[in-house]
Amino acid sequence: MSDERQTRLEELLAHQQHLIDTLNTEAVEQRKEIDRLSGAVARLEAKLKLLAQFVERSGEDLPHEKPPHY
């Protein structure tokens, strides 16, 4: 194998390794964001469940008001 070809392959390998490292870092950050959002959704679901139980126990419906933009 010629030195020029070997150098080119080593450069290509270095670029690919950098890209893999960059993609891995981004995947880790996205996983953290997904975990954070999943936690937020779980907390909101729990609050909605408590609200539904409260409404069910009180026997009253929630007030139906027009949104402020009407």
C-alpha atoms as a PDB file:
ATOM      1  CA  MET A   1       0.000   0.000   0.000  1.00  0.00           C
ATOM      2  CA  SER A   2       1.389   3.374  -0.912  1.00  0.00           C
ATOM      3  CA  ASP A   3       2.124   5.954   1.781  1.00  0.00           C
ATOM      4  CA  GLU A   4      -0.275   8.378   0.135  1.00  0.00           C
ATOM      5  CA  ARG A   5      -3.115   5.853   0.186  1.00  0.00           C
ATOM      6  CA  GLN A   6      -2.382   4.884   3.779  1.00  0.00           C
ATOM      7  CA  THR A   7      -2.358   8.556   4.827  1.00  0.00           C
ATOM      8  CA  ARG A   8      -5.692   9.110   3.058  1.00  0.00           C
ATOM      9  CA  LEU A   9      -7.235   6.093   4.797  1.00  0.00           C
ATOM     10  CA  GLU A  10      -5.957   7.274   8.175  1.00  0.00           C
ATOM     11  CA  GLU A  11      -7.460  10.721   7.551  1.00  0.00           C
ATOM     12  CA  LEU A  12     -10.755   9.165   6.551  1.00  0.00           C
ATOM     13  CA  LEU A  13     -10.737   6.992   9.664  1.00  0.00           C
ATOM     14  CA  ALA A  14     -10.013  10.026  11.864  1.00  0.00           C
ATOM     15  CA  HIS A  15     -12.910  11.965  10.303  1.00  0.00           C
ATOM     16  CA  GLN A  16     -15.260   9.020  10.737  1.00  0.00           C
ATOM     17  CA  GLN A  17     -14.226   8.581  14.375  1.00  0.00           C
ATOM     18  CA  HIS A  18     -14.869  12.269  15.009  1.00  0.00           C
ATOM     19  CA  LEU A  19     -18.306  11.963  13.403  1.00  0.00           C
ATOM     20  CA  ILE A  20     -19.132   8.887  15.492  1.00  0.00           C
ATOM     21  CA  ASP A  21     -18.075  10.695  18.672  1.00  0.00           C
ATOM     22  CA  THR A  22     -20.177  13.721  17.724  1.00  0.00           C
ATOM     23  CA  LEU A  23     -23.223  11.575  16.956  1.00  0.00           C
ATOM     24  CA  ASN A  24     -22.791   9.657  20.195  1.00  0.00           C
ATOM     25  CA  THR A  25     -22.668  12.884  22.201  1.00  0.00           C
ATOM     26  CA  GLU A  26     -25.827  14.100  20.488  1.00  0.00           C
ATOM     27  CA  ALA A  27     -27.588  10.771  21.125  1.00  0.00           C
ATOM     28  CA  VAL A  28     -26.713  10.975  24.836  1.00  0.00           C
ATOM     29  CA  GLU A  29     -28.073  14.547  25.023  1.00  0.00           C
ATOM     30  CA  GLN A  30     -31.273  13.496  23.262  1.00  0.00           C
ATOM     31  CA  ARG A  31     -31.698  10.581  25.680  1.00  0.00           C
ATOM     32  CA  LYS A  32     -31.397  13.008  28.611  1.00  0.00           C
ATOM     33  CA  GLU A  33     -34.017  15.275  27.030  1.00  0.00           C
ATOM     34  CA  ILE A  34     -36.352  12.336  26.403  1.00  0.00           C
ATOM     35  CA  ASP A  35     -35.959  11.243  30.030  1.00  0.00           C
ATOM     36  CA  ARG A  36     -36.670  14.799  31.230  1.00  0.00           C
ATOM     37  CA  LEU A  37     -39.764  15.080  29.030  1.00  0.00           C
ATOM     38  CA  SER A  38     -40.990  11.623  30.049  1.00  0.00           C
ATOM     39  CA  GLY A  39     -40.742  12.677  33.682  1.00  0.00           C
ATOM     40  CA  ALA A  40     -42.686  15.856  32.963  1.00  0.00           C
ATOM     41  CA  VAL A  41     -45.418  13.888  31.176  1.00  0.00           C
ATOM     42  CA  ALA A  42     -45.631  11.423  34.081  1.00  0.00           C
ATOM     43  CA  ARG A  43     -46.007  14.292  36.578  1.00  0.00           C
ATOM     44  CA  LEU A  44     -48.728  15.896  34.456  1.00  0.00           C
ATOM     45  CA  GLU A  45     -50.555  12.592  34.145  1.00  0.00           C
ATOM     46  CA  ALA A  46     -50.471  12.211  37.921  1.00  0.00           C
ATOM     47  CA  LYS A  47     -51.860  15.735  38.386  1.00  0.00           C
ATOM     48  CA  LEU A  48     -54.631  15.089  35.869  1.00  0.00           C
ATOM     49  CA  LYS A  49     -55.521  11.854  37.631  1.00  0.00           C
ATOM     50  CA  LEU A  50     -55.771  13.674  40.965  1.00  0.00           C
ATOM     51  CA  LEU A  51     -57.896  16.383  39.378  1.00  0.00           C
ATOM     52  CA  ALA A  52     -60.197  13.789  37.820  1.00  0.00           C
ATOM     53  CA  GLN A  53     -60.551  12.048  41.192  1.00  0.00           C
ATOM     54  CA  PHE A  54     -61.347  15.366  42.866  1.00  0.00           C
ATOM     55  CA  VAL A  55     -64.029  16.172  40.297  1.00  0.00           C
ATOM     56  CA  GLU A  56     -65.440  12.671  40.608  1.00  0.00           C
ATOM     57  CA  ARG A  57     -65.652  12.910  44.414  1.00  0.00           C
ATOM     58  CA  SER A  58     -67.108  16.405  44.431  1.00  0.00           C
ATOM     59  CA  GLY A  59     -69.842  15.470  41.993  1.00  0.00           C
ATOM     60  CA  GLU A  60     -69.429  18.793  40.235  1.00  0.00           C
ATOM     61  CA  ASP A  61     -68.254  19.469  36.755  1.00  0.00           C
ATOM     62  CA  LEU A  62     -65.407  21.803  36.098  1.00  0.00           C
ATOM     63  CA  PRO A  63     -66.624  25.233  35.077  1.00  0.00           C
ATOM     64  CA  HIS A  64     -66.907  25.673  31.343  1.00  0.00           C
ATOM     65  CA  GLU A  65     -65.689  29.111  30.556  1.00  0.00           C
ATOM     66  CA  LYS A  66     -64.907  30.582  27.228  1.00  0.00           C
ATOM     67  CA  PRO A  67     -61.174  31.001  26.666  1.00  0.00           C
ATOM     68  CA  PRO A  68     -59.949  34.582  27.059  1.00  0.00           C
ATOM     69  CA  HIS A  69     -59.498  35.024  23.313  1.00  0.00           C
ATOM     70  CA  TYR A  70     -63.287  34.824  22.626  1.00  0.00           C
END
